[in-house]
Amino acid sequence: MSIVENYKKILTSIPDTVKLVVVTKTQSIDNIMQVYSAGGRFFGENKVQELLSKQPQLPDDIEWHLIGHLQTNKVKYIAPFISFIHSIDSLKLLKEVNKQAQKSNRVIYCLLQVYIAKEDTKFGLDFEEAEHLLASEDLKELTNITIAGLMGMATNTNDRQQIAGEFQSLNRFFEKLKSITSHNIHFTTLSMGMSSDYLIAIENGSNLIRVGSSIFGERKFNP
C-alpha cells in the first residue's frame, strides 16, 4: 500500500479520541507532504538537528512533537515552534524549556518520560522520581510550560503480555496523577504505543500514539 493508504488505514483503526503523531525520522519532505496532503497535521521527530532541517520546509500549521531524547543545550533551537516535548526526564530540562519558551513568549506542552521497559537503553524517570518532580517547589515557578501528561515506551519484545503489563502500569500511574492540577500541571495526554504495539497501547489507556514505519515502511537508513 501507499503512504497515504497506510496513514488512512491506521486512522480508521483507532478511536477518534486517540491522536496519531506521524513519526518522520529519516523521511523525505515529499513523503511527509503526502501525509500532510491527506490531512495529517501532527508530526514527530526524534532528533533536534533533523527537525530543524525539515521544519522550515514544511507548512506552518503543523504541530511538531519532539519525541526523542533532548539535551538542555538544544532546547533553544526548537523553543520558537515546538508544540509538545515528550521526553522530559529531569527538572533541569524542564527549567530550560521554560526559560527558552519565555524568550519566545510561548507555552510549551511537556510530557514526563517514565521508564517502564525492561531495557537499559531507554531514558526516563521512575514513578517515584516523577512524583517528586511534580511536587517540587521549583516547578511552581515555571509559567511557560504545561505538564500535560506522561510518555512511556514498552520493552522491545514479542511478548504481548509483557508489553500490555508495562502499559497498564503507566496507565495506572497516569490515572493516579490526574488529580494533581495547578497553573502548569494539567494531565490530559498519555503517550504510549508505536508501530509495533500501538493497538496494545490503546487497549491499555493510550490517547496518543507515535507511528512511523507502519506508515512509511521500514527505514532503509539511519543517518
N, C-alpha and C. Protein backbone atom coordinates (compact mmCIF):
# COMPACT_ATOMS: atom_id res chain seq x y z
N MET A 1 0.83 -1.20 0.00
CA MET A 1 0.00 0.00 0.00
C MET A 1 0.87 1.26 0.00
N SER A 2 0.27 2.36 -0.43
CA SER A 2 0.99 3.63 -0.47
C SER A 2 1.06 4.25 0.92
N ILE A 3 1.86 5.29 1.04
CA ILE A 3 1.98 6.02 2.30
C ILE A 3 0.61 6.54 2.75
N VAL A 4 -0.12 7.14 1.83
CA VAL A 4 -1.43 7.70 2.17
C VAL A 4 -2.40 6.59 2.58
N GLU A 5 -2.37 5.48 1.87
CA GLU A 5 -3.25 4.36 2.22
C GLU A 5 -2.92 3.82 3.61
N ASN A 6 -1.62 3.70 3.92
CA ASN A 6 -1.21 3.25 5.25
C ASN A 6 -1.68 4.21 6.33
N TYR A 7 -1.52 5.49 6.07
CA TYR A 7 -1.93 6.51 7.04
C TYR A 7 -3.43 6.43 7.31
N LYS A 8 -4.21 6.36 6.25
CA LYS A 8 -5.67 6.32 6.40
C LYS A 8 -6.11 5.01 7.07
N LYS A 9 -5.42 3.91 6.77
CA LYS A 9 -5.77 2.64 7.39
C LYS A 9 -5.59 2.70 8.90
N ILE A 10 -4.49 3.32 9.35
CA ILE A 10 -4.25 3.44 10.79
C ILE A 10 -5.29 4.36 11.42
N LEU A 11 -5.61 5.46 10.75
CA LEU A 11 -6.62 6.38 11.28
C LEU A 11 -7.96 5.67 11.50
N THR A 12 -8.33 4.82 10.56
CA THR A 12 -9.62 4.14 10.68
C THR A 12 -9.58 3.02 11.72
N SER A 13 -8.38 2.62 12.14
CA SER A 13 -8.26 1.51 13.09
C SER A 13 -8.22 1.97 14.54
N ILE A 14 -8.17 3.30 14.76
CA ILE A 14 -8.04 3.82 16.11
C ILE A 14 -9.25 4.69 16.45
N PRO A 15 -9.59 4.80 17.74
CA PRO A 15 -10.72 5.65 18.14
C PRO A 15 -10.47 7.13 17.83
N ASP A 16 -11.54 7.89 17.69
CA ASP A 16 -11.42 9.32 17.43
C ASP A 16 -10.75 10.05 18.59
N THR A 17 -10.77 9.44 19.76
CA THR A 17 -10.19 10.08 20.95
C THR A 17 -8.67 9.92 21.01
N VAL A 18 -8.10 9.17 20.09
CA VAL A 18 -6.65 8.92 20.08
C VAL A 18 -5.98 9.78 19.01
N LYS A 19 -4.96 10.54 19.40
CA LYS A 19 -4.21 11.36 18.45
C LYS A 19 -3.09 10.53 17.83
N LEU A 20 -2.99 10.61 16.50
CA LEU A 20 -1.93 9.93 15.78
C LEU A 20 -0.84 10.94 15.43
N VAL A 21 0.34 10.77 16.03
CA VAL A 21 1.50 11.58 15.68
C VAL A 21 2.36 10.76 14.71
N VAL A 22 2.56 11.30 13.53
CA VAL A 22 3.30 10.60 12.48
C VAL A 22 4.78 10.87 12.66
N VAL A 23 5.54 9.80 12.87
CA VAL A 23 6.98 9.93 13.13
C VAL A 23 7.72 10.00 11.80
N THR A 24 8.45 11.09 11.60
CA THR A 24 9.04 11.38 10.29
C THR A 24 10.56 11.18 10.25
N LYS A 25 11.09 10.47 11.21
CA LYS A 25 12.53 10.22 11.27
C LYS A 25 13.03 9.62 9.95
N THR A 26 14.03 10.25 9.37
CA THR A 26 14.70 9.86 8.11
C THR A 26 13.81 10.01 6.87
N GLN A 27 12.60 10.53 7.02
CA GLN A 27 11.71 10.62 5.87
C GLN A 27 11.93 11.92 5.09
N SER A 28 11.72 11.84 3.79
CA SER A 28 11.90 12.99 2.91
C SER A 28 10.74 13.97 3.06
N ILE A 29 10.96 15.19 2.62
CA ILE A 29 9.92 16.21 2.63
C ILE A 29 8.73 15.74 1.78
N ASP A 30 9.01 15.11 0.66
CA ASP A 30 7.95 14.61 -0.21
C ASP A 30 7.08 13.59 0.50
N ASN A 31 7.70 12.66 1.22
CA ASN A 31 6.93 11.65 1.94
C ASN A 31 6.06 12.28 3.02
N ILE A 32 6.63 13.25 3.73
CA ILE A 32 5.88 13.93 4.78
C ILE A 32 4.70 14.69 4.19
N MET A 33 4.93 15.33 3.05
CA MET A 33 3.87 16.11 2.41
C MET A 33 2.73 15.22 1.91
N GLN A 34 3.03 13.97 1.60
CA GLN A 34 1.95 13.05 1.22
C GLN A 34 0.97 12.86 2.38
N VAL A 35 1.51 12.72 3.59
CA VAL A 35 0.65 12.58 4.77
C VAL A 35 -0.06 13.90 5.06
N TYR A 36 0.66 15.00 4.93
CA TYR A 36 0.06 16.32 5.15
C TYR A 36 -1.11 16.54 4.20
N SER A 37 -0.92 16.20 2.94
CA SER A 37 -1.98 16.40 1.94
C SER A 37 -3.19 15.52 2.21
N ALA A 38 -2.96 14.41 2.94
CA ALA A 38 -4.06 13.52 3.31
C ALA A 38 -4.74 13.95 4.61
N GLY A 39 -4.29 15.07 5.17
CA GLY A 39 -4.93 15.61 6.37
C GLY A 39 -4.08 15.57 7.62
N GLY A 40 -2.90 14.96 7.57
CA GLY A 40 -2.05 14.86 8.74
C GLY A 40 -1.49 16.22 9.17
N ARG A 41 -1.61 16.52 10.44
CA ARG A 41 -1.07 17.78 10.96
C ARG A 41 -0.18 17.57 12.18
N PHE A 42 -0.09 16.35 12.69
CA PHE A 42 0.71 16.08 13.89
C PHE A 42 1.90 15.21 13.49
N PHE A 43 3.10 15.78 13.63
CA PHE A 43 4.30 15.08 13.21
C PHE A 43 5.34 15.08 14.34
N GLY A 44 6.11 14.00 14.42
CA GLY A 44 7.10 13.87 15.49
C GLY A 44 8.48 13.54 14.95
N GLU A 45 9.48 14.16 15.56
CA GLU A 45 10.88 13.89 15.21
C GLU A 45 11.64 13.45 16.45
N ASN A 46 12.63 12.58 16.24
CA ASN A 46 13.46 12.09 17.33
C ASN A 46 14.65 13.00 17.62
N LYS A 47 15.19 13.62 16.58
CA LYS A 47 16.43 14.38 16.74
C LYS A 47 16.23 15.84 16.38
N VAL A 48 16.80 16.71 17.22
CA VAL A 48 16.66 18.15 17.02
C VAL A 48 17.23 18.58 15.68
N GLN A 49 18.40 18.09 15.31
CA GLN A 49 19.05 18.51 14.07
C GLN A 49 18.18 18.21 12.85
N GLU A 50 17.59 17.03 12.83
CA GLU A 50 16.74 16.66 11.70
C GLU A 50 15.47 17.48 11.69
N LEU A 51 14.92 17.74 12.85
CA LEU A 51 13.72 18.57 12.95
C LEU A 51 13.99 19.97 12.43
N LEU A 52 15.14 20.53 12.79
CA LEU A 52 15.47 21.89 12.36
C LEU A 52 15.66 21.99 10.85
N SER A 53 16.10 20.92 10.22
CA SER A 53 16.28 20.95 8.78
C SER A 53 14.95 20.83 8.04
N LYS A 54 13.97 20.16 8.65
CA LYS A 54 12.69 19.92 7.98
C LYS A 54 11.65 21.00 8.25
N GLN A 55 11.61 21.49 9.46
CA GLN A 55 10.52 22.40 9.86
C GLN A 55 10.37 23.61 8.94
N PRO A 56 11.45 24.28 8.51
CA PRO A 56 11.27 25.45 7.63
C PRO A 56 10.74 25.10 6.24
N GLN A 57 10.88 23.85 5.85
CA GLN A 57 10.47 23.43 4.50
C GLN A 57 9.01 22.97 4.44
N LEU A 58 8.36 22.95 5.58
CA LEU A 58 7.02 22.39 5.66
C LEU A 58 6.01 23.42 6.15
N PRO A 59 4.71 23.20 5.94
CA PRO A 59 3.70 24.20 6.28
C PRO A 59 3.71 24.60 7.76
N ASP A 60 3.31 25.84 8.00
CA ASP A 60 3.37 26.41 9.35
C ASP A 60 2.31 25.86 10.29
N ASP A 61 1.26 25.23 9.74
CA ASP A 61 0.19 24.75 10.62
C ASP A 61 0.44 23.34 11.15
N ILE A 62 1.63 22.81 10.92
CA ILE A 62 1.99 21.51 11.50
C ILE A 62 2.25 21.67 12.99
N GLU A 63 1.72 20.74 13.78
CA GLU A 63 2.02 20.67 15.22
C GLU A 63 3.18 19.70 15.40
N TRP A 64 4.33 20.23 15.76
CA TRP A 64 5.54 19.41 15.87
C TRP A 64 5.71 18.87 17.29
N HIS A 65 6.06 17.58 17.36
CA HIS A 65 6.33 16.90 18.63
C HIS A 65 7.78 16.42 18.62
N LEU A 66 8.53 16.75 19.65
CA LEU A 66 9.88 16.21 19.83
C LEU A 66 9.75 14.98 20.71
N ILE A 67 10.01 13.80 20.15
CA ILE A 67 9.73 12.56 20.86
C ILE A 67 10.99 11.84 21.31
N GLY A 68 12.16 12.30 20.85
CA GLY A 68 13.41 11.66 21.24
C GLY A 68 14.07 12.35 22.42
N HIS A 69 15.16 11.77 22.88
CA HIS A 69 15.91 12.33 24.00
C HIS A 69 16.37 13.75 23.67
N LEU A 70 16.23 14.65 24.62
CA LEU A 70 16.54 16.06 24.41
C LEU A 70 17.59 16.54 25.40
N GLN A 71 18.64 17.14 24.86
CA GLN A 71 19.69 17.74 25.70
C GLN A 71 19.36 19.19 25.97
N THR A 72 19.71 19.66 27.16
CA THR A 72 19.34 21.02 27.54
C THR A 72 19.92 22.07 26.59
N ASN A 73 21.11 21.83 26.05
CA ASN A 73 21.74 22.84 25.19
C ASN A 73 21.09 22.94 23.81
N LYS A 74 20.13 22.07 23.51
CA LYS A 74 19.46 22.12 22.20
C LYS A 74 18.03 22.64 22.29
N VAL A 75 17.56 22.89 23.50
CA VAL A 75 16.18 23.36 23.68
C VAL A 75 15.96 24.69 22.95
N LYS A 76 16.93 25.59 23.00
CA LYS A 76 16.76 26.93 22.44
C LYS A 76 16.46 26.91 20.95
N TYR A 77 16.89 25.87 20.26
CA TYR A 77 16.69 25.82 18.82
C TYR A 77 15.26 25.48 18.44
N ILE A 78 14.57 24.73 19.28
CA ILE A 78 13.21 24.30 18.93
C ILE A 78 12.13 25.07 19.66
N ALA A 79 12.51 25.81 20.70
CA ALA A 79 11.52 26.51 21.53
C ALA A 79 10.61 27.47 20.75
N PRO A 80 11.09 28.12 19.68
CA PRO A 80 10.20 29.06 18.98
C PRO A 80 9.02 28.41 18.28
N PHE A 81 9.05 27.08 18.04
CA PHE A 81 7.96 26.48 17.27
C PHE A 81 7.45 25.14 17.80
N ILE A 82 8.17 24.48 18.68
CA ILE A 82 7.75 23.14 19.10
C ILE A 82 6.45 23.22 19.91
N SER A 83 5.55 22.26 19.70
CA SER A 83 4.28 22.25 20.43
C SER A 83 4.35 21.35 21.66
N PHE A 84 4.89 20.14 21.46
CA PHE A 84 4.96 19.14 22.52
C PHE A 84 6.38 18.60 22.62
N ILE A 85 6.86 18.44 23.84
CA ILE A 85 8.11 17.70 24.09
C ILE A 85 7.73 16.49 24.93
N HIS A 86 7.97 15.30 24.38
CA HIS A 86 7.53 14.06 25.04
C HIS A 86 8.56 13.51 26.03
N SER A 87 9.76 14.06 26.02
CA SER A 87 10.89 13.36 26.65
C SER A 87 11.50 14.12 27.82
N ILE A 88 10.67 14.73 28.64
CA ILE A 88 11.17 15.43 29.83
C ILE A 88 11.54 14.39 30.89
N ASP A 89 12.82 14.38 31.25
CA ASP A 89 13.28 13.38 32.22
C ASP A 89 14.05 14.00 33.38
N SER A 90 13.93 15.32 33.56
CA SER A 90 14.57 15.97 34.71
C SER A 90 13.98 17.36 34.91
N LEU A 91 14.06 17.84 36.14
CA LEU A 91 13.63 19.21 36.44
C LEU A 91 14.54 20.21 35.74
N LYS A 92 15.81 19.88 35.63
CA LYS A 92 16.77 20.76 34.93
C LYS A 92 16.33 21.01 33.49
N LEU A 93 15.93 19.95 32.80
CA LEU A 93 15.48 20.10 31.42
C LEU A 93 14.20 20.92 31.35
N LEU A 94 13.30 20.68 32.28
CA LEU A 94 12.04 21.41 32.32
C LEU A 94 12.27 22.90 32.53
N LYS A 95 13.21 23.23 33.40
CA LYS A 95 13.55 24.64 33.64
C LYS A 95 14.09 25.30 32.38
N GLU A 96 14.90 24.56 31.63
CA GLU A 96 15.47 25.11 30.40
C GLU A 96 14.37 25.32 29.35
N VAL A 97 13.45 24.38 29.24
CA VAL A 97 12.33 24.54 28.32
C VAL A 97 11.52 25.78 28.69
N ASN A 98 11.27 25.98 29.97
CA ASN A 98 10.53 27.15 30.43
C ASN A 98 11.29 28.44 30.09
N LYS A 99 12.58 28.42 30.34
CA LYS A 99 13.41 29.61 30.06
C LYS A 99 13.36 29.99 28.59
N GLN A 100 13.51 29.01 27.72
CA GLN A 100 13.53 29.30 26.29
C GLN A 100 12.12 29.62 25.76
N ALA A 101 11.10 29.00 26.32
CA ALA A 101 9.72 29.31 25.92
C ALA A 101 9.38 30.76 26.29
N GLN A 102 9.88 31.18 27.44
CA GLN A 102 9.64 32.55 27.89
C GLN A 102 10.22 33.56 26.92
N LYS A 103 11.39 33.26 26.37
CA LYS A 103 12.03 34.16 25.40
C LYS A 103 11.18 34.32 24.15
N SER A 104 10.44 33.27 23.80
CA SER A 104 9.59 33.31 22.60
C SER A 104 8.14 33.65 22.94
N ASN A 105 7.90 33.96 24.22
CA ASN A 105 6.55 34.31 24.68
C ASN A 105 5.56 33.21 24.33
N ARG A 106 5.95 31.97 24.65
CA ARG A 106 5.13 30.81 24.33
C ARG A 106 4.97 29.93 25.56
N VAL A 107 3.97 29.07 25.51
CA VAL A 107 3.82 27.99 26.49
C VAL A 107 4.02 26.68 25.74
N ILE A 108 4.93 25.85 26.21
CA ILE A 108 5.23 24.57 25.55
C ILE A 108 4.67 23.44 26.41
N TYR A 109 3.95 22.55 25.76
CA TYR A 109 3.40 21.39 26.45
C TYR A 109 4.47 20.32 26.58
N CYS A 110 4.53 19.72 27.76
CA CYS A 110 5.58 18.75 28.07
C CYS A 110 4.97 17.47 28.65
N LEU A 111 5.59 16.35 28.32
CA LEU A 111 5.22 15.07 28.90
C LEU A 111 6.42 14.54 29.68
N LEU A 112 6.18 14.02 30.86
CA LEU A 112 7.24 13.38 31.62
C LEU A 112 7.46 11.99 31.04
N GLN A 113 8.70 11.70 30.65
CA GLN A 113 9.01 10.37 30.14
C GLN A 113 9.29 9.45 31.33
N VAL A 114 8.49 8.39 31.42
CA VAL A 114 8.59 7.46 32.54
C VAL A 114 9.15 6.14 32.03
N TYR A 115 10.10 5.62 32.76
CA TYR A 115 10.79 4.39 32.37
C TYR A 115 9.97 3.18 32.80
N ILE A 116 9.43 2.45 31.81
CA ILE A 116 8.63 1.27 32.14
C ILE A 116 9.18 0.00 31.52
N ALA A 117 10.16 0.13 30.62
CA ALA A 117 10.68 -1.04 29.90
C ALA A 117 11.74 -1.77 30.71
N LYS A 118 11.93 -3.02 30.38
CA LYS A 118 13.00 -3.82 30.99
C LYS A 118 14.19 -3.82 30.05
N GLU A 119 14.69 -2.62 29.76
CA GLU A 119 15.83 -2.42 28.87
C GLU A 119 16.69 -1.30 29.42
N ASP A 120 17.99 -1.41 29.26
CA ASP A 120 18.89 -0.39 29.76
C ASP A 120 19.02 0.79 28.81
N THR A 121 18.51 0.66 27.58
CA THR A 121 18.74 1.69 26.57
C THR A 121 17.71 2.80 26.60
N LYS A 122 16.67 2.66 27.40
CA LYS A 122 15.61 3.66 27.44
C LYS A 122 15.91 4.74 28.49
N PHE A 123 15.46 5.95 28.21
CA PHE A 123 15.57 7.05 29.16
C PHE A 123 14.27 7.15 29.96
N GLY A 124 14.31 7.97 31.01
CA GLY A 124 13.07 8.26 31.71
C GLY A 124 13.20 8.25 33.22
N LEU A 125 12.17 8.81 33.85
CA LEU A 125 12.05 8.84 35.30
C LEU A 125 11.38 7.57 35.79
N ASP A 126 11.69 7.16 37.01
CA ASP A 126 10.87 6.11 37.61
C ASP A 126 9.66 6.78 38.27
N PHE A 127 8.73 5.98 38.76
CA PHE A 127 7.49 6.55 39.31
C PHE A 127 7.78 7.51 40.46
N GLU A 128 8.68 7.13 41.32
CA GLU A 128 8.98 7.97 42.49
C GLU A 128 9.60 9.29 42.07
N GLU A 129 10.50 9.25 41.08
CA GLU A 129 11.15 10.47 40.60
C GLU A 129 10.13 11.40 39.94
N ALA A 130 9.19 10.83 39.21
CA ALA A 130 8.16 11.65 38.57
C ALA A 130 7.29 12.35 39.60
N GLU A 131 6.90 11.63 40.64
CA GLU A 131 6.09 12.23 41.69
C GLU A 131 6.86 13.32 42.42
N HIS A 132 8.13 13.08 42.65
CA HIS A 132 8.98 14.07 43.32
C HIS A 132 9.08 15.34 42.48
N LEU A 133 9.24 15.18 41.17
CA LEU A 133 9.32 16.35 40.28
C LEU A 133 8.03 17.15 40.34
N LEU A 134 6.90 16.47 40.29
CA LEU A 134 5.61 17.17 40.29
C LEU A 134 5.35 17.89 41.61
N ALA A 135 5.98 17.43 42.68
CA ALA A 135 5.80 18.06 43.99
C ALA A 135 6.84 19.14 44.27
N SER A 136 7.75 19.36 43.34
CA SER A 136 8.84 20.30 43.56
C SER A 136 8.35 21.74 43.68
N GLU A 137 8.91 22.45 44.64
CA GLU A 137 8.59 23.87 44.78
C GLU A 137 9.09 24.66 43.57
N ASP A 138 10.21 24.23 42.99
CA ASP A 138 10.76 24.92 41.82
C ASP A 138 9.79 24.87 40.64
N LEU A 139 9.07 23.77 40.53
CA LEU A 139 8.14 23.62 39.41
C LEU A 139 7.07 24.70 39.42
N LYS A 140 6.67 25.12 40.60
CA LYS A 140 5.59 26.10 40.72
C LYS A 140 5.96 27.45 40.11
N GLU A 141 7.27 27.69 39.96
CA GLU A 141 7.73 28.97 39.42
C GLU A 141 7.73 29.00 37.89
N LEU A 142 7.50 27.87 37.25
CA LEU A 142 7.61 27.79 35.79
C LEU A 142 6.26 28.13 35.16
N THR A 143 6.23 29.24 34.45
CA THR A 143 4.96 29.75 33.91
C THR A 143 4.82 29.56 32.40
N ASN A 144 5.86 29.07 31.74
CA ASN A 144 5.81 28.93 30.28
C ASN A 144 5.85 27.49 29.81
N ILE A 145 5.52 26.59 30.72
CA ILE A 145 5.37 25.18 30.36
C ILE A 145 4.07 24.67 30.98
N THR A 146 3.53 23.64 30.36
CA THR A 146 2.42 22.90 30.95
C THR A 146 2.77 21.42 30.90
N ILE A 147 2.78 20.77 32.05
CA ILE A 147 2.97 19.32 32.07
C ILE A 147 1.62 18.69 31.77
N ALA A 148 1.53 18.10 30.57
CA ALA A 148 0.24 17.63 30.06
C ALA A 148 0.03 16.13 30.22
N GLY A 149 1.03 15.44 30.77
CA GLY A 149 0.85 14.00 30.96
C GLY A 149 2.15 13.24 30.95
N LEU A 150 2.06 12.00 30.49
CA LEU A 150 3.20 11.07 30.57
C LEU A 150 3.46 10.43 29.21
N MET A 151 4.71 10.02 29.02
CA MET A 151 5.09 9.22 27.85
C MET A 151 5.89 8.03 28.32
N GLY A 152 5.67 6.89 27.69
CA GLY A 152 6.44 5.70 28.02
C GLY A 152 6.60 4.79 26.82
N MET A 153 7.70 4.04 26.83
CA MET A 153 7.98 3.06 25.77
C MET A 153 8.12 1.69 26.40
N ALA A 154 7.39 0.74 25.83
CA ALA A 154 7.45 -0.63 26.34
C ALA A 154 8.71 -1.32 25.85
N THR A 155 9.02 -2.43 26.49
CA THR A 155 10.16 -3.25 26.07
C THR A 155 9.98 -3.71 24.64
N ASN A 156 11.07 -3.73 23.89
CA ASN A 156 11.05 -4.22 22.51
C ASN A 156 11.07 -5.75 22.53
N THR A 157 9.88 -6.33 22.55
CA THR A 157 9.74 -7.78 22.68
C THR A 157 8.49 -8.24 21.94
N ASN A 158 8.42 -9.52 21.62
CA ASN A 158 7.22 -10.08 21.01
C ASN A 158 6.22 -10.58 22.05
N ASP A 159 6.56 -10.43 23.32
CA ASP A 159 5.70 -10.89 24.41
C ASP A 159 4.61 -9.85 24.64
N ARG A 160 3.45 -10.07 24.05
CA ARG A 160 2.34 -9.12 24.15
C ARG A 160 1.88 -8.92 25.59
N GLN A 161 1.97 -9.97 26.38
CA GLN A 161 1.54 -9.87 27.78
C GLN A 161 2.46 -8.93 28.56
N GLN A 162 3.76 -9.02 28.29
CA GLN A 162 4.70 -8.13 28.96
C GLN A 162 4.47 -6.68 28.54
N ILE A 163 4.28 -6.47 27.24
CA ILE A 163 4.02 -5.12 26.74
C ILE A 163 2.76 -4.54 27.38
N ALA A 164 1.70 -5.35 27.40
CA ALA A 164 0.44 -4.89 27.98
C ALA A 164 0.62 -4.55 29.46
N GLY A 165 1.37 -5.36 30.18
CA GLY A 165 1.61 -5.12 31.59
C GLY A 165 2.34 -3.82 31.84
N GLU A 166 3.32 -3.52 30.98
CA GLU A 166 4.08 -2.27 31.14
C GLU A 166 3.18 -1.07 30.85
N PHE A 167 2.37 -1.16 29.80
CA PHE A 167 1.44 -0.07 29.51
C PHE A 167 0.40 0.09 30.62
N GLN A 168 -0.08 -1.01 31.16
CA GLN A 168 -1.05 -0.94 32.25
C GLN A 168 -0.48 -0.22 33.46
N SER A 169 0.79 -0.49 33.76
CA SER A 169 1.41 0.14 34.92
C SER A 169 1.50 1.65 34.74
N LEU A 170 1.79 2.10 33.52
CA LEU A 170 1.88 3.54 33.28
C LEU A 170 0.49 4.17 33.28
N ASN A 171 -0.50 3.45 32.76
CA ASN A 171 -1.86 3.97 32.77
C ASN A 171 -2.38 4.16 34.20
N ARG A 172 -2.07 3.19 35.06
CA ARG A 172 -2.47 3.32 36.47
C ARG A 172 -1.81 4.53 37.11
N PHE A 173 -0.55 4.73 36.80
CA PHE A 173 0.19 5.88 37.35
C PHE A 173 -0.40 7.18 36.81
N PHE A 174 -0.73 7.20 35.53
CA PHE A 174 -1.35 8.38 34.90
C PHE A 174 -2.66 8.73 35.60
N GLU A 175 -3.50 7.72 35.85
CA GLU A 175 -4.78 7.95 36.50
C GLU A 175 -4.58 8.48 37.92
N LYS A 176 -3.54 8.00 38.59
CA LYS A 176 -3.23 8.47 39.94
C LYS A 176 -2.85 9.95 39.94
N LEU A 177 -2.09 10.36 38.93
CA LEU A 177 -1.57 11.72 38.89
C LEU A 177 -2.57 12.74 38.34
N LYS A 178 -3.62 12.27 37.70
CA LYS A 178 -4.59 13.18 37.08
C LYS A 178 -5.23 14.12 38.09
N SER A 179 -5.23 13.74 39.36
CA SER A 179 -5.84 14.59 40.38
C SER A 179 -4.96 15.78 40.74
N ILE A 180 -3.70 15.76 40.31
CA ILE A 180 -2.79 16.87 40.58
C ILE A 180 -3.02 17.95 39.52
N THR A 181 -3.49 19.10 39.92
CA THR A 181 -3.68 20.19 38.97
C THR A 181 -3.14 21.48 39.57
N SER A 182 -2.59 22.31 38.70
CA SER A 182 -2.11 23.64 39.08
C SER A 182 -2.05 24.46 37.81
N HIS A 183 -1.47 25.65 37.92
CA HIS A 183 -1.41 26.51 36.73
C HIS A 183 -0.56 25.90 35.62
N ASN A 184 0.34 24.97 35.95
CA ASN A 184 1.17 24.38 34.91
C ASN A 184 1.17 22.84 34.90
N ILE A 185 0.21 22.25 35.57
CA ILE A 185 0.04 20.79 35.54
C ILE A 185 -1.42 20.51 35.17
N HIS A 186 -1.61 19.87 34.06
CA HIS A 186 -2.97 19.53 33.62
C HIS A 186 -2.90 18.26 32.79
N PHE A 187 -3.11 17.13 33.44
CA PHE A 187 -2.90 15.84 32.79
C PHE A 187 -4.05 15.51 31.84
N THR A 188 -3.73 15.46 30.55
CA THR A 188 -4.70 15.10 29.52
C THR A 188 -4.15 14.04 28.56
N THR A 189 -2.83 13.86 28.52
CA THR A 189 -2.21 13.07 27.46
C THR A 189 -1.39 11.92 28.02
N LEU A 190 -1.68 10.72 27.52
CA LEU A 190 -0.88 9.54 27.84
C LEU A 190 -0.34 9.01 26.52
N SER A 191 0.94 9.26 26.28
CA SER A 191 1.60 8.91 25.02
C SER A 191 2.27 7.55 25.15
N MET A 192 1.62 6.54 24.58
CA MET A 192 2.16 5.18 24.59
C MET A 192 1.83 4.53 23.24
N GLY A 193 2.76 3.77 22.72
CA GLY A 193 2.47 2.98 21.54
C GLY A 193 3.15 3.50 20.28
N MET A 194 3.84 2.58 19.61
CA MET A 194 4.49 2.87 18.34
C MET A 194 4.00 1.85 17.31
N SER A 195 4.66 1.78 16.16
CA SER A 195 4.17 0.94 15.08
C SER A 195 3.92 -0.50 15.51
N SER A 196 4.80 -1.02 16.35
CA SER A 196 4.72 -2.44 16.70
C SER A 196 3.72 -2.75 17.79
N ASP A 197 3.30 -1.73 18.55
CA ASP A 197 2.48 -2.04 19.73
C ASP A 197 1.37 -1.02 20.01
N TYR A 198 1.03 -0.19 19.03
CA TYR A 198 0.08 0.88 19.33
C TYR A 198 -1.32 0.37 19.65
N LEU A 199 -1.73 -0.75 19.07
CA LEU A 199 -3.05 -1.28 19.38
C LEU A 199 -3.12 -1.77 20.83
N ILE A 200 -2.02 -2.39 21.29
CA ILE A 200 -1.95 -2.82 22.70
C ILE A 200 -1.97 -1.59 23.60
N ALA A 201 -1.27 -0.54 23.19
CA ALA A 201 -1.22 0.68 23.99
C ALA A 201 -2.61 1.30 24.13
N ILE A 202 -3.35 1.36 23.03
CA ILE A 202 -4.69 1.94 23.07
C ILE A 202 -5.60 1.12 23.97
N GLU A 203 -5.48 -0.20 23.91
CA GLU A 203 -6.27 -1.07 24.78
C GLU A 203 -5.99 -0.79 26.26
N ASN A 204 -4.81 -0.24 26.53
CA ASN A 204 -4.40 0.00 27.91
C ASN A 204 -4.30 1.48 28.26
N GLY A 205 -5.11 2.30 27.57
CA GLY A 205 -5.30 3.67 28.00
C GLY A 205 -4.62 4.76 27.22
N SER A 206 -3.79 4.43 26.24
CA SER A 206 -3.10 5.48 25.49
C SER A 206 -4.09 6.33 24.71
N ASN A 207 -3.87 7.65 24.69
CA ASN A 207 -4.66 8.51 23.82
C ASN A 207 -3.79 9.30 22.86
N LEU A 208 -2.51 8.90 22.76
CA LEU A 208 -1.61 9.45 21.74
C LEU A 208 -0.64 8.35 21.34
N ILE A 209 -0.57 8.06 20.04
CA ILE A 209 0.37 7.05 19.54
C ILE A 209 1.35 7.69 18.58
N ARG A 210 2.55 7.13 18.49
CA ARG A 210 3.63 7.66 17.69
C ARG A 210 4.01 6.60 16.64
N VAL A 211 3.58 6.81 15.39
CA VAL A 211 3.71 5.77 14.38
C VAL A 211 4.49 6.28 13.17
N GLY A 212 5.51 5.53 12.78
CA GLY A 212 6.31 5.89 11.61
C GLY A 212 6.38 4.79 10.57
N SER A 213 7.03 3.67 10.92
CA SER A 213 7.30 2.64 9.93
C SER A 213 6.04 1.98 9.38
N SER A 214 4.97 1.94 10.16
CA SER A 214 3.72 1.37 9.65
C SER A 214 3.07 2.26 8.60
N ILE A 215 3.50 3.49 8.53
CA ILE A 215 3.01 4.43 7.52
C ILE A 215 3.97 4.52 6.34
N PHE A 216 5.25 4.72 6.64
CA PHE A 216 6.23 4.97 5.59
C PHE A 216 6.95 3.70 5.12
N GLY A 217 6.83 2.61 5.87
CA GLY A 217 7.63 1.43 5.60
C GLY A 217 8.89 1.45 6.45
N GLU A 218 9.55 0.33 6.54
CA GLU A 218 10.76 0.23 7.36
C GLU A 218 11.83 1.19 6.84
N ARG A 219 12.51 1.85 7.76
CA ARG A 219 13.58 2.77 7.36
C ARG A 219 14.75 2.01 6.74
N LYS A 220 15.26 2.57 5.64
CA LYS A 220 16.36 1.92 4.93
C LYS A 220 17.72 2.43 5.36
N PHE A 221 17.72 3.53 6.12
CA PHE A 221 18.97 4.08 6.60
C PHE A 221 18.71 4.85 7.87
N ASN A 222 19.75 5.13 8.62
CA ASN A 222 19.61 5.84 9.88
C ASN A 222 20.77 6.81 10.04
N PRO A 223 20.61 8.01 9.48
CA PRO A 223 21.74 8.97 9.48
C PRO A 223 22.13 9.41 10.88
